[in-house]
């Protein structure tokens, strides 16, 4: 195995981390609350602008992460209480409503910050590279993204599978009507999980801002990648996020190395279409009993 190929594999790991970071919040909202959140990319964008503001105030990414989580979680609370709570049982209307919310957020952020691009620098402690294999440099910030992705997935797994709140979330996910009959406040669960998923999108914006200029249109690509990740991995199963992210991230990177980026993306998209044909609910999607 040549060093160039090893380098591409390592780059693919960091691309996987970016996909996981951007998709985990959407996976929580889509998988549990059943909301097709078309404003997910704009939530990431708001998190990135929050990081930009923190940077102008003298802070760095480490400060921006918790602040962005809180800001976007509160934004999610406002959207859920003001719009989504009335249309949970109408998926197509949630799609249209969140699409409209996304447009409003883009316009509002453009009115506040203007059309110019903002650049967020990485913390000085994460500047530079480490040599992992021979003389191959690997940026510290890519390693940081991998660590953040692992921590976000681990924290989400802990919340869903190791807490009383998570037990209620899983109950609502499997049978909302029965959960309500057993005394679980399903409306509160929906609100809390929407806030949590929105907050994760805010973290995504904060940590991804240094690798991409911050603009009102930056969220679109992240939203598309997030949907491809969770649809391939399986809606409603958290294991599908790292699985889908890994297949897409490594696939695009290695195929781009072999051919070019356009052909790489095209081949990965064809693979996703075939995979969905074989696994209609995704690789780890829930299979309903008959």
Foldseek 3Di string as FASTA:
>chain_A
DDPVVVLLQLQLLLQLLLLLLLQVLVLLLCQQLVAPQPLSLLLLLQLQVQLLVCVVVPHALVVSLVVLLVVQLVVLLCCCVVPVVVCSVPRVVSVVSNNVVNVVSLVVVCVVPNFDWTAHAHDPVQAFFDDDDDNDTDGSLSVVSSVVSVVVLVVVCCCLPPDPLNVLSVVCSVPVVVSVVVPDPVSVNSSVSSSNSSSSSSSSSSSCRNVDIRGSPRSPVSSVSNVLQCQQLFRNDSVSNSVSSSLLSSQQSVVCVVPRNVVSNVVSVVVSVVSCVVVVRHPPYDDDDD
